[in-house]
Amino acid sequence: MLHEMLGQCLIEIPIEYSTRFKENITCRVWLKEAVHELNERGLLNLHESVDSIEFEANSTALSSKATKKKSVKLSMGTCP
């Protein structure tokens, strides 16, 4: 059941233009659309917007690049 719900949700993600994020679809934008839809359908339980989570991920990546240290951490946008 969950597998079917997930598959149906992901197949409905736009592949040309994201009206939600006002951008042409790239891998990054498609993933943002997918995360948003999965959250809307109750398959994820996010506490922050997709844009906030993207900003957090970019900040973590830049910090890791600057310090040359790999890191894994919980997002502020998810449940602990």
PDB file of N, CA and C in Angstrom:
ATOM      1  N   MET A   1       0.823  -1.194   0.000  1.00  0.00           N
ATOM      2  CA  MET A   1       0.000   0.000   0.000  1.00  0.00           C
ATOM      3  C   MET A   1       0.871   1.264   0.000  1.00  0.00           C
ATOM      4  N   LEU A   2       1.835   1.329   0.915  1.00  0.00           N
ATOM      5  CA  LEU A   2       2.704   2.502   0.987  1.00  0.00           C
ATOM      6  C   LEU A   2       3.502   2.664  -0.299  1.00  0.00           C
ATOM      7  N   HIS A   3       3.992   1.549  -0.823  1.00  0.00           N
ATOM      8  CA  HIS A   3       4.774   1.580  -2.063  1.00  0.00           C
ATOM      9  C   HIS A   3       3.943   2.159  -3.207  1.00  0.00           C
ATOM     10  N   GLU A   4       2.679   1.767  -3.297  1.00  0.00           N
ATOM     11  CA  GLU A   4       1.798   2.277  -4.345  1.00  0.00           C
ATOM     12  C   GLU A   4       1.534   3.778  -4.166  1.00  0.00           C
ATOM     13  N   MET A   5       1.309   4.197  -2.919  1.00  0.00           N
ATOM     14  CA  MET A   5       1.071   5.621  -2.648  1.00  0.00           C
ATOM     15  C   MET A   5       2.290   6.451  -3.033  1.00  0.00           C
ATOM     16  N   LEU A   6       3.460   5.961  -2.671  1.00  0.00           N
ATOM     17  CA  LEU A   6       4.704   6.650  -2.993  1.00  0.00           C
ATOM     18  C   LEU A   6       4.887   6.740  -4.502  1.00  0.00           C
ATOM     19  N   GLY A   7       4.704   5.616  -5.189  1.00  0.00           N
ATOM     20  CA  GLY A   7       4.848   5.592  -6.642  1.00  0.00           C
ATOM     21  C   GLY A   7       3.878   6.532  -7.329  1.00  0.00           C
ATOM     22  N   GLN A   8       2.625   6.538  -6.902  1.00  0.00           N
ATOM     23  CA  GLN A   8       1.621   7.414  -7.508  1.00  0.00           C
ATOM     24  C   GLN A   8       1.972   8.880  -7.296  1.00  0.00           C
ATOM     25  N   CYS A   9       2.426   9.205  -6.111  1.00  0.00           N
ATOM     26  CA  CYS A   9       2.811  10.585  -5.812  1.00  0.00           C
ATOM     27  C   CYS A   9       3.962  11.025  -6.707  1.00  0.00           C
ATOM     28  N   LEU A  10       4.983  10.201  -6.812  1.00  0.00           N
ATOM     29  CA  LEU A  10       6.177  10.587  -7.567  1.00  0.00           C
ATOM     30  C   LEU A  10       5.923  10.658  -9.065  1.00  0.00           C
ATOM     31  N   ILE A  11       5.019   9.827  -9.574  1.00  0.00           N
ATOM     32  CA  ILE A  11       4.731   9.859 -11.005  1.00  0.00           C
ATOM     33  C   ILE A  11       3.992  11.145 -11.401  1.00  0.00           C
ATOM     34  N   GLU A  12       3.355  11.783 -10.439  1.00  0.00           N
ATOM     35  CA  GLU A  12       2.606  13.012 -10.706  1.00  0.00           C
ATOM     36  C   GLU A  12       3.463  14.280 -10.622  1.00  0.00           C
ATOM     37  N   ILE A  13       4.721  14.147 -10.247  1.00  0.00           N
ATOM     38  CA  ILE A  13       5.608  15.313 -10.144  1.00  0.00           C
ATOM     39  C   ILE A  13       5.865  15.850 -11.550  1.00  0.00           C
ATOM     40  N   PRO A  14       5.751  17.161 -11.752  1.00  0.00           N
ATOM     41  CA  PRO A  14       5.986  17.723 -13.090  1.00  0.00           C
ATOM     42  C   PRO A  14       7.416  17.469 -13.561  1.00  0.00           C
ATOM     43  N   ILE A  15       7.565  17.356 -14.873  1.00  0.00           N
ATOM     44  CA  ILE A  15       8.902  17.096 -15.415  1.00  0.00           C
ATOM     45  C   ILE A  15       9.383  18.202 -16.353  1.00  0.00           C
ATOM     46  N   GLU A  16       8.609  19.277 -16.486  1.00  0.00           N
ATOM     47  CA  GLU A  16       9.040  20.371 -17.355  1.00  0.00           C
ATOM     48  C   GLU A  16       9.192  21.699 -16.616  1.00  0.00           C
ATOM     49  N   TYR A  17       8.175  22.066 -15.834  1.00  0.00           N
ATOM     50  CA  TYR A  17       8.215  23.359 -15.147  1.00  0.00           C
ATOM     51  C   TYR A  17       7.511  23.230 -13.802  1.00  0.00           C
ATOM     52  N   SER A  18       8.096  23.804 -12.772  1.00  0.00           N
ATOM     53  CA  SER A  18       7.498  23.799 -11.441  1.00  0.00           C
ATOM     54  C   SER A  18       6.765  25.115 -11.229  1.00  0.00           C
ATOM     55  N   THR A  19       5.441  25.051 -11.210  1.00  0.00           N
ATOM     56  CA  THR A  19       4.681  26.271 -10.931  1.00  0.00           C
ATOM     57  C   THR A  19       4.815  26.657  -9.456  1.00  0.00           C
ATOM     58  N   ARG A  20       5.048  25.684  -8.604  1.00  0.00           N
ATOM     59  CA  ARG A  20       5.205  25.959  -7.168  1.00  0.00           C
ATOM     60  C   ARG A  20       6.482  26.745  -6.895  1.00  0.00           C
ATOM     61  N   PHE A  21       7.586  26.325  -7.503  1.00  0.00           N
ATOM     62  CA  PHE A  21       8.873  26.963  -7.240  1.00  0.00           C
ATOM     63  C   PHE A  21       9.289  27.921  -8.357  1.00  0.00           C
ATOM     64  N   LYS A  22       8.449  28.038  -9.388  1.00  0.00           N
ATOM     65  CA  LYS A  22       8.673  28.985 -10.499  1.00  0.00           C
ATOM     66  C   LYS A  22      10.027  28.778 -11.172  1.00  0.00           C
ATOM     67  N   GLU A  23      10.360  27.508 -11.445  1.00  0.00           N
ATOM     68  CA  GLU A  23      11.629  27.172 -12.084  1.00  0.00           C
ATOM     69  C   GLU A  23      11.410  26.026 -13.060  1.00  0.00           C
ATOM     70  N   ASN A  24      12.265  25.971 -14.086  1.00  0.00           N
ATOM     71  CA  ASN A  24      12.282  24.794 -14.940  1.00  0.00           C
ATOM     72  C   ASN A  24      12.739  23.612 -14.103  1.00  0.00           C
ATOM     73  N   ILE A  25      12.285  22.436 -14.482  1.00  0.00           N
ATOM     74  CA  ILE A  25      12.643  21.242 -13.723  1.00  0.00           C
ATOM     75  C   ILE A  25      14.095  20.856 -13.967  1.00  0.00           C
ATOM     76  N   THR A  26      14.809  20.713 -12.882  1.00  0.00           N
ATOM     77  CA  THR A  26      16.149  20.123 -12.843  1.00  0.00           C
ATOM     78  C   THR A  26      16.043  19.020 -11.793  1.00  0.00           C
ATOM     79  N   CYS A  27      17.086  18.274 -11.588  1.00  0.00           N
ATOM     80  CA  CYS A  27      17.058  17.248 -10.530  1.00  0.00           C
ATOM     81  C   CYS A  27      16.743  17.886  -9.178  1.00  0.00           C
ATOM     82  N   ARG A  28      17.348  19.040  -8.911  1.00  0.00           N
ATOM     83  CA  ARG A  28      17.140  19.740  -7.635  1.00  0.00           C
ATOM     84  C   ARG A  28      15.689  20.166  -7.473  1.00  0.00           C
ATOM     85  N   VAL A  29      15.106  20.758  -8.513  1.00  0.00           N
ATOM     86  CA  VAL A  29      13.724  21.245  -8.435  1.00  0.00           C
ATOM     87  C   VAL A  29      12.746  20.068  -8.362  1.00  0.00           C
ATOM     88  N   TRP A  30      13.028  18.991  -9.112  1.00  0.00           N
ATOM     89  CA  TRP A  30      12.159  17.814  -9.052  1.00  0.00           C
ATOM     90  C   TRP A  30      12.147  17.254  -7.628  1.00  0.00           C
ATOM     91  N   LEU A  31      13.310  17.194  -6.992  1.00  0.00           N
ATOM     92  CA  LEU A  31      13.386  16.685  -5.624  1.00  0.00           C
ATOM     93  C   LEU A  31      12.602  17.584  -4.666  1.00  0.00           C
ATOM     94  N   LYS A  32      12.699  18.903  -4.841  1.00  0.00           N
ATOM     95  CA  LYS A  32      11.926  19.825  -4.002  1.00  0.00           C
ATOM     96  C   LYS A  32      10.432  19.576  -4.180  1.00  0.00           C
ATOM     97  N   GLU A  33       9.995  19.396  -5.422  1.00  0.00           N
ATOM     98  CA  GLU A  33       8.586  19.094  -5.701  1.00  0.00           C
ATOM     99  C   GLU A  33       8.179  17.789  -5.019  1.00  0.00           C
ATOM    100  N   ALA A  34       9.030  16.768  -5.154  1.00  0.00           N
ATOM    101  CA  ALA A  34       8.720  15.463  -4.573  1.00  0.00           C
ATOM    102  C   ALA A  34       8.611  15.549  -3.053  1.00  0.00           C
ATOM    103  N   VAL A  35       9.554  16.210  -2.417  1.00  0.00           N
ATOM    104  CA  VAL A  35       9.524  16.349  -0.954  1.00  0.00           C
ATOM    105  C   VAL A  35       8.269  17.105  -0.523  1.00  0.00           C
ATOM    106  N   HIS A  36       7.931  18.168  -1.236  1.00  0.00           N
ATOM    107  CA  HIS A  36       6.723  18.936  -0.909  1.00  0.00           C
ATOM    108  C   HIS A  36       5.476  18.052  -1.013  1.00  0.00           C
ATOM    109  N   GLU A  37       5.342  17.329  -2.118  1.00  0.00           N
ATOM    110  CA  GLU A  37       4.169  16.478  -2.325  1.00  0.00           C
ATOM    111  C   GLU A  37       4.087  15.354  -1.298  1.00  0.00           C
ATOM    112  N   LEU A  38       5.213  14.715  -1.019  1.00  0.00           N
ATOM    113  CA  LEU A  38       5.212  13.638  -0.022  1.00  0.00           C
ATOM    114  C   LEU A  38       4.794  14.168   1.347  1.00  0.00           C
ATOM    115  N   ASN A  39       5.221  15.375   1.666  1.00  0.00           N
ATOM    116  CA  ASN A  39       4.824  15.990   2.931  1.00  0.00           C
ATOM    117  C   ASN A  39       3.331  16.326   2.923  1.00  0.00           C
ATOM    118  N   GLU A  40       2.848  16.888   1.823  1.00  0.00           N
ATOM    119  CA  GLU A  40       1.429  17.247   1.719  1.00  0.00           C
ATOM    120  C   GLU A  40       0.529  16.021   1.873  1.00  0.00           C
ATOM    121  N   ARG A  41       0.984  14.895   1.384  1.00  0.00           N
ATOM    122  CA  ARG A  41       0.179  13.667   1.437  1.00  0.00           C
ATOM    123  C   ARG A  41       0.381  12.885   2.730  1.00  0.00           C
ATOM    124  N   GLY A  42       1.163  13.430   3.643  1.00  0.00           N
ATOM    125  CA  GLY A  42       1.353  12.794   4.935  1.00  0.00           C
ATOM    126  C   GLY A  42       2.378  11.672   4.952  1.00  0.00           C
ATOM    127  N   LEU A  43       3.144  11.544   3.873  1.00  0.00           N
ATOM    128  CA  LEU A  43       4.166  10.502   3.819  1.00  0.00           C
ATOM    129  C   LEU A  43       5.473  10.971   4.450  1.00  0.00           C
ATOM    130  N   LEU A  44       5.616  12.261   4.642  1.00  0.00           N
ATOM    131  CA  LEU A  44       6.714  12.868   5.393  1.00  0.00           C
ATOM    132  C   LEU A  44       6.085  13.752   6.456  1.00  0.00           C
ATOM    133  N   ASN A  45       6.860  14.118   7.452  1.00  0.00           N
ATOM    134  CA  ASN A  45       6.360  14.997   8.507  1.00  0.00           C
ATOM    135  C   ASN A  45       7.375  16.116   8.727  1.00  0.00           C
ATOM    136  N   LEU A  46       7.375  17.074   7.814  1.00  0.00           N
ATOM    137  CA  LEU A  46       8.341  18.170   7.887  1.00  0.00           C
ATOM    138  C   LEU A  46       7.814  19.298   8.753  1.00  0.00           C
ATOM    139  N   HIS A  47       8.741  19.980   9.430  1.00  0.00           N
ATOM    140  CA  HIS A  47       8.375  21.108  10.282  1.00  0.00           C
ATOM    141  C   HIS A  47       8.857  22.433   9.709  1.00  0.00           C
ATOM    142  N   GLU A  48       9.507  22.381   8.569  1.00  0.00           N
ATOM    143  CA  GLU A  48       9.999  23.578   7.887  1.00  0.00           C
ATOM    144  C   GLU A  48       9.623  23.478   6.417  1.00  0.00           C
ATOM    145  N   SER A  49       9.717  24.589   5.706  1.00  0.00           N
ATOM    146  CA  SER A  49       9.423  24.577   4.274  1.00  0.00           C
ATOM    147  C   SER A  49      10.538  23.872   3.510  1.00  0.00           C
ATOM    148  N   VAL A  50      10.211  23.444   2.307  1.00  0.00           N
ATOM    149  CA  VAL A  50      11.210  22.809   1.447  1.00  0.00           C
ATOM    150  C   VAL A  50      12.347  23.786   1.175  1.00  0.00           C
ATOM    151  N   ASP A  51      12.027  25.057   0.962  1.00  0.00           N
ATOM    152  CA  ASP A  51      13.073  26.059   0.725  1.00  0.00           C
ATOM    153  C   ASP A  51      13.991  26.206   1.941  1.00  0.00           C
ATOM    154  N   SER A  52      13.432  26.150   3.144  1.00  0.00           N
ATOM    155  CA  SER A  52      14.254  26.233   4.362  1.00  0.00           C
ATOM    156  C   SER A  52      15.183  25.031   4.479  1.00  0.00           C
ATOM    157  N   ILE A  53      14.669  23.864   4.145  1.00  0.00           N
ATOM    158  CA  ILE A  53      15.491  22.655   4.203  1.00  0.00           C
ATOM    159  C   ILE A  53      16.591  22.720   3.151  1.00  0.00           C
ATOM    160  N   GLU A  54      16.271  23.229   1.968  1.00  0.00           N
ATOM    161  CA  GLU A  54      17.296  23.387   0.928  1.00  0.00           C
ATOM    162  C   GLU A  54      18.380  24.366   1.395  1.00  0.00           C
ATOM    163  N   PHE A  55      17.987  25.474   2.004  1.00  0.00           N
ATOM    164  CA  PHE A  55      18.951  26.454   2.508  1.00  0.00           C
ATOM    165  C   PHE A  55      19.862  25.815   3.556  1.00  0.00           C
ATOM    166  N   GLU A  56      19.265  25.045   4.460  1.00  0.00           N
ATOM    167  CA  GLU A  56      20.040  24.364   5.498  1.00  0.00           C
ATOM    168  C   GLU A  56      21.034  23.381   4.877  1.00  0.00           C
ATOM    169  N   ALA A  57      20.586  22.627   3.876  1.00  0.00           N
ATOM    170  CA  ALA A  57      21.471  21.659   3.211  1.00  0.00           C
ATOM    171  C   ALA A  57      22.624  22.365   2.509  1.00  0.00           C
ATOM    172  N   ASN A  58      22.319  23.465   1.826  1.00  0.00           N
ATOM    173  CA  ASN A  58      23.374  24.227   1.152  1.00  0.00           C
ATOM    174  C   ASN A  58      24.372  24.802   2.152  1.00  0.00           C
ATOM    175  N   SER A  59      23.880  25.309   3.263  1.00  0.00           N
ATOM    176  CA  SER A  59      24.764  25.864   4.296  1.00  0.00           C
ATOM    177  C   SER A  59      25.680  24.789   4.870  1.00  0.00           C
ATOM    178  N   THR A  60      25.116  23.620   5.130  1.00  0.00           N
ATOM    179  CA  THR A  60      25.916  22.510   5.657  1.00  0.00           C
ATOM    180  C   THR A  60      26.971  22.083   4.644  1.00  0.00           C
ATOM    181  N   ALA A  61      26.580  22.018   3.372  1.00  0.00           N
ATOM    182  CA  ALA A  61      27.527  21.623   2.323  1.00  0.00           C
ATOM    183  C   ALA A  61      28.667  22.629   2.195  1.00  0.00           C
ATOM    184  N   LEU A  62      28.335  23.920   2.223  1.00  0.00           N
ATOM    185  CA  LEU A  62      29.376  24.946   2.126  1.00  0.00           C
ATOM    186  C   LEU A  62      30.320  24.902   3.322  1.00  0.00           C
ATOM    187  N   SER A  63      29.768  24.674   4.504  1.00  0.00           N
ATOM    188  CA  SER A  63      30.595  24.567   5.706  1.00  0.00           C
ATOM    189  C   SER A  63      31.522  23.357   5.621  1.00  0.00           C
ATOM    190  N   SER A  64      30.977  22.246   5.168  1.00  0.00           N
ATOM    191  CA  SER A  64      31.796  21.034   5.022  1.00  0.00           C
ATOM    192  C   SER A  64      32.897  21.237   3.996  1.00  0.00           C
ATOM    193  N   LYS A  65      32.563  21.922   2.918  1.00  0.00           N
ATOM    194  CA  LYS A  65      33.568  22.183   1.880  1.00  0.00           C
ATOM    195  C   LYS A  65      34.674  23.083   2.429  1.00  0.00           C
ATOM    196  N   ALA A  66      34.294  24.108   3.178  1.00  0.00           N
ATOM    197  CA  ALA A  66      35.274  25.060   3.714  1.00  0.00           C
ATOM    198  C   ALA A  66      36.204  24.401   4.729  1.00  0.00           C
ATOM    199  N   THR A  67      35.654  23.509   5.543  1.00  0.00           N
ATOM    200  CA  THR A  67      36.464  22.864   6.582  1.00  0.00           C
ATOM    201  C   THR A  67      37.069  21.542   6.112  1.00  0.00           C
ATOM    202  N   LYS A  68      36.671  21.123   4.927  1.00  0.00           N
ATOM    203  CA  LYS A  68      37.130  19.843   4.348  1.00  0.00           C
ATOM    204  C   LYS A  68      36.818  18.665   5.269  1.00  0.00           C
ATOM    205  N   LYS A  69      35.671  18.770   5.956  1.00  0.00           N
ATOM    206  CA  LYS A  69      35.212  17.697   6.834  1.00  0.00           C
ATOM    207  C   LYS A  69      33.825  17.257   6.386  1.00  0.00           C
ATOM    208  N   LYS A  70      33.644  15.960   6.269  1.00  0.00           N
ATOM    209  CA  LYS A  70      32.330  15.419   5.931  1.00  0.00           C
ATOM    210  C   LYS A  70      31.454  15.466   7.174  1.00  0.00           C
ATOM    211  N   SER A  71      30.168  15.699   6.966  1.00  0.00           N
ATOM    212  CA  SER A  71      29.271  15.721   8.117  1.00  0.00           C
ATOM    213  C   SER A  71      27.904  15.175   7.737  1.00  0.00           C
ATOM    214  N   VAL A  72      27.249  14.613   8.712  1.00  0.00           N
ATOM    215  CA  VAL A  72      25.875  14.153   8.592  1.00  0.00           C
ATOM    216  C   VAL A  72      25.159  14.691   9.817  1.00  0.00           C
ATOM    217  N   LYS A  73      23.994  15.301   9.605  1.00  0.00           N
ATOM    218  CA  LYS A  73      23.270  15.828  10.755  1.00  0.00           C
ATOM    219  C   LYS A  73      21.782  15.787  10.498  1.00  0.00           C
ATOM    220  N   LEU A  74      21.017  15.854  11.562  1.00  0.00           N
ATOM    221  CA  LEU A  74      19.571  15.923  11.431  1.00  0.00           C
ATOM    222  C   LEU A  74      19.186  17.312  10.947  1.00  0.00           C
ATOM    223  N   SER A  75      18.198  17.356  10.086  1.00  0.00           N
ATOM    224  CA  SER A  75      17.696  18.637   9.607  1.00  0.00           C
ATOM    225  C   SER A  75      16.773  19.247  10.653  1.00  0.00           C
ATOM    226  N   MET A  76      16.768  20.562  10.733  1.00  0.00           N
ATOM    227  CA  MET A  76      15.841  21.253  11.628  1.00  0.00           C
ATOM    228  C   MET A  76      14.400  21.085  11.139  1.00  0.00           C
ATOM    229  N   GLY A  77      14.240  20.689   9.881  1.00  0.00           N
ATOM    230  CA  GLY A  77      12.908  20.564   9.299  1.00  0.00           C
ATOM    231  C   GLY A  77      12.241  19.227   9.518  1.00  0.00           C
ATOM    232  N   THR A  78      12.918  18.302  10.191  1.00  0.00           N
ATOM    233  CA  THR A  78      12.350  16.972  10.393  1.00  0.00           C
ATOM    234  C   THR A  78      12.168  16.678  11.869  1.00  0.00           C
ATOM    235  N   CYS A  79      11.427  15.633  12.140  1.00  0.00           N
ATOM    236  CA  CYS A  79      11.251  15.190  13.531  1.00  0.00           C
ATOM    237  C   CYS A  79      12.542  14.565  14.024  1.00  0.00           C
ATOM    238  N   PRO A  80      12.873  14.747  15.278  1.00  0.00           N
ATOM    239  CA  PRO A  80      14.078  14.112  15.835  1.00  0.00           C
ATOM    240  C   PRO A  80      13.910  12.609  15.942  1.00  0.00           C
TER     241      PRO A  80
END
